[in-house]
Amino acid sequence: MSLLKSSQGLGLSVAGGVDSGDQWPGLIRIKRLFVHQPAWQSGQLSQGDILLAANGVTLIGLTNYVSETLVFNNHAMTLRERDASSREMTLA
């Protein structure tokens, strides 16, 4: 799947990381999708989806800050949904 950034970005926010104290420490998940933005418009992303990698770099075990930098500044990520299925996703 290909997702193009708008002038406002991808239209999602993320939460988690080893420093977050979340229920699943070390995992980065989609916190929110913003209506009418690319991530929401794709219809293939959901709040709570877990992001595994960005541009070939694993996000598991990283801090939230480092993960956000990789997700929002790079163009490719692997997404694993809550139902444990997996698919590749390219962001441009």
C-alpha atoms as a PDB file:
ATOM      1  CA  MET A   1       0.000   0.000   0.000  1.00  0.00           C
ATOM      2  CA  SER A   2       1.265   3.477  -0.793  1.00  0.00           C
ATOM      3  CA  LEU A   3       0.379   6.474   1.348  1.00  0.00           C
ATOM      4  CA  LEU A   4       1.394  10.014   0.389  1.00  0.00           C
ATOM      5  CA  LYS A   5       1.993  12.668   3.008  1.00  0.00           C
ATOM      6  CA  SER A   6      -0.176  15.754   2.781  1.00  0.00           C
ATOM      7  CA  SER A   7       1.033  19.242   3.665  1.00  0.00           C
ATOM      8  CA  GLN A   8      -0.070  18.398   7.221  1.00  0.00           C
ATOM      9  CA  GLY A   9       1.792  15.065   7.335  1.00  0.00           C
ATOM     10  CA  LEU A  10       0.518  11.500   7.532  1.00  0.00           C
ATOM     11  CA  GLY A  11      -2.422  12.222   9.792  1.00  0.00           C
ATOM     12  CA  LEU A  12      -1.553   9.909  12.652  1.00  0.00           C
ATOM     13  CA  SER A  13       0.033  10.078  16.069  1.00  0.00           C
ATOM     14  CA  VAL A  14       1.895   7.308  17.851  1.00  0.00           C
ATOM     15  CA  ALA A  15       2.331   6.237  21.469  1.00  0.00           C
ATOM     16  CA  GLY A  16       4.412   3.721  23.343  1.00  0.00           C
ATOM     17  CA  GLY A  17       8.084   2.928  23.517  1.00  0.00           C
ATOM     18  CA  VAL A  18      10.317   1.561  26.232  1.00  0.00           C
ATOM     19  CA  ASP A  19      10.055   4.816  28.176  1.00  0.00           C
ATOM     20  CA  SER A  20       6.265   5.124  28.109  1.00  0.00           C
ATOM     21  CA  GLY A  21       5.051   2.865  30.915  1.00  0.00           C
ATOM     22  CA  ASP A  22       2.307   1.632  28.580  1.00  0.00           C
ATOM     23  CA  GLN A  23       0.588  -1.724  28.894  1.00  0.00           C
ATOM     24  CA  TRP A  24       2.987  -3.139  26.270  1.00  0.00           C
ATOM     25  CA  PRO A  25       6.365  -1.504  26.917  1.00  0.00           C
ATOM     26  CA  GLY A  26       8.639  -1.360  23.922  1.00  0.00           C
ATOM     27  CA  LEU A  27       5.881  -1.395  21.295  1.00  0.00           C
ATOM     28  CA  ILE A  28       4.871   1.616  19.214  1.00  0.00           C
ATOM     29  CA  ARG A  29       1.201   1.810  18.307  1.00  0.00           C
ATOM     30  CA  ILE A  30      -1.069   4.202  16.477  1.00  0.00           C
ATOM     31  CA  LYS A  31      -2.597   6.476  19.093  1.00  0.00           C
ATOM     32  CA  ARG A  32      -4.877   8.474  16.816  1.00  0.00           C
ATOM     33  CA  LEU A  33      -5.878   8.876  13.173  1.00  0.00           C
ATOM     34  CA  PHE A  34      -6.840  12.363  12.068  1.00  0.00           C
ATOM     35  CA  VAL A  35      -9.996  12.583   9.970  1.00  0.00           C
ATOM     36  CA  HIS A  36      -9.555  13.498   6.305  1.00  0.00           C
ATOM     37  CA  GLN A  37      -5.783  12.946   6.485  1.00  0.00           C
ATOM     38  CA  PRO A  38      -3.877  10.311   4.453  1.00  0.00           C
ATOM     39  CA  ALA A  39      -3.691   7.594   7.149  1.00  0.00           C
ATOM     40  CA  TRP A  40      -7.426   7.863   7.852  1.00  0.00           C
ATOM     41  CA  GLN A  41      -8.327   8.110   4.165  1.00  0.00           C
ATOM     42  CA  SER A  42      -6.486   4.877   3.387  1.00  0.00           C
ATOM     43  CA  GLY A  43      -9.088   2.927   5.345  1.00  0.00           C
ATOM     44  CA  GLN A  44      -6.405   0.361   6.210  1.00  0.00           C
ATOM     45  CA  LEU A  45      -5.112   1.725   9.506  1.00  0.00           C
ATOM     46  CA  SER A  46      -6.744   1.644  12.915  1.00  0.00           C
ATOM     47  CA  GLN A  47      -6.136   3.104  16.324  1.00  0.00           C
ATOM     48  CA  GLY A  48      -4.081   0.545  18.256  1.00  0.00           C
ATOM     49  CA  ASP A  49      -2.244  -0.949  15.262  1.00  0.00           C
ATOM     50  CA  ILE A  50       1.356  -1.779  16.168  1.00  0.00           C
ATOM     51  CA  LEU A  51       4.207  -0.393  14.048  1.00  0.00           C
ATOM     52  CA  LEU A  52       7.096  -2.839  13.772  1.00  0.00           C
ATOM     53  CA  ALA A  53       9.637  -1.026  11.593  1.00  0.00           C
ATOM     54  CA  ALA A  54      10.282   2.191   9.711  1.00  0.00           C
ATOM     55  CA  ASN A  55      12.584   2.266   6.710  1.00  0.00           C
ATOM     56  CA  GLY A  56      13.906  -1.177   7.632  1.00  0.00           C
ATOM     57  CA  VAL A  57      14.734  -0.177  11.225  1.00  0.00           C
ATOM     58  CA  THR A  58      12.823  -2.002  13.962  1.00  0.00           C
ATOM     59  CA  LEU A  59      10.761   0.171  16.289  1.00  0.00           C
ATOM     60  CA  ILE A  60      10.516  -2.526  18.967  1.00  0.00           C
ATOM     61  CA  GLY A  61      12.446  -1.578  22.078  1.00  0.00           C
ATOM     62  CA  LEU A  62      13.029   2.061  21.116  1.00  0.00           C
ATOM     63  CA  THR A  63      11.931   5.179  22.964  1.00  0.00           C
ATOM     64  CA  ASN A  64       8.869   7.047  21.753  1.00  0.00           C
ATOM     65  CA  TYR A  65      11.005   9.984  20.590  1.00  0.00           C
ATOM     66  CA  VAL A  66      13.325   7.848  18.456  1.00  0.00           C
ATOM     67  CA  SER A  67      10.373   5.927  17.020  1.00  0.00           C
ATOM     68  CA  GLU A  68       8.533   9.113  16.072  1.00  0.00           C
ATOM     69  CA  THR A  69      11.642  10.383  14.316  1.00  0.00           C
ATOM     70  CA  LEU A  70      11.907   7.187  12.260  1.00  0.00           C
ATOM     71  CA  VAL A  71       8.178   7.006  11.425  1.00  0.00           C
ATOM     72  CA  PHE A  72       7.633  10.618  10.469  1.00  0.00           C
ATOM     73  CA  ASN A  73      10.945  11.253   8.687  1.00  0.00           C
ATOM     74  CA  ASN A  74      11.195   8.097   6.572  1.00  0.00           C
ATOM     75  CA  HIS A  75       9.185   6.579   3.784  1.00  0.00           C
ATOM     76  CA  ALA A  76       8.599   2.893   4.527  1.00  0.00           C
ATOM     77  CA  MET A  77       7.218   0.968   7.448  1.00  0.00           C
ATOM     78  CA  THR A  78       5.929  -2.490   8.256  1.00  0.00           C
ATOM     79  CA  LEU A  79       2.636  -2.564  10.090  1.00  0.00           C
ATOM     80  CA  ARG A  80       1.225  -5.376  12.196  1.00  0.00           C
ATOM     81  CA  GLU A  81      -2.423  -5.077  13.062  1.00  0.00           C
ATOM     82  CA  ARG A  82      -3.998  -6.060  16.355  1.00  0.00           C
ATOM     83  CA  ASP A  83      -5.236  -9.330  14.829  1.00  0.00           C
ATOM     84  CA  ALA A  84      -1.564 -10.281  14.252  1.00  0.00           C
ATOM     85  CA  SER A  85      -1.799 -10.195  10.459  1.00  0.00           C
ATOM     86  CA  SER A  86       1.074  -8.407   8.782  1.00  0.00           C
ATOM     87  CA  ARG A  87       1.411  -6.285   5.685  1.00  0.00           C
ATOM     88  CA  GLU A  88       3.926  -3.970   4.114  1.00  0.00           C
ATOM     89  CA  MET A  89       3.131  -0.308   3.798  1.00  0.00           C
ATOM     90  CA  THR A  90       5.071   2.422   1.981  1.00  0.00           C
ATOM     91  CA  LEU A  91       4.815   6.038   3.042  1.00  0.00           C
ATOM     92  CA  ALA A  92       6.007   8.820   0.774  1.00  0.00           C
END
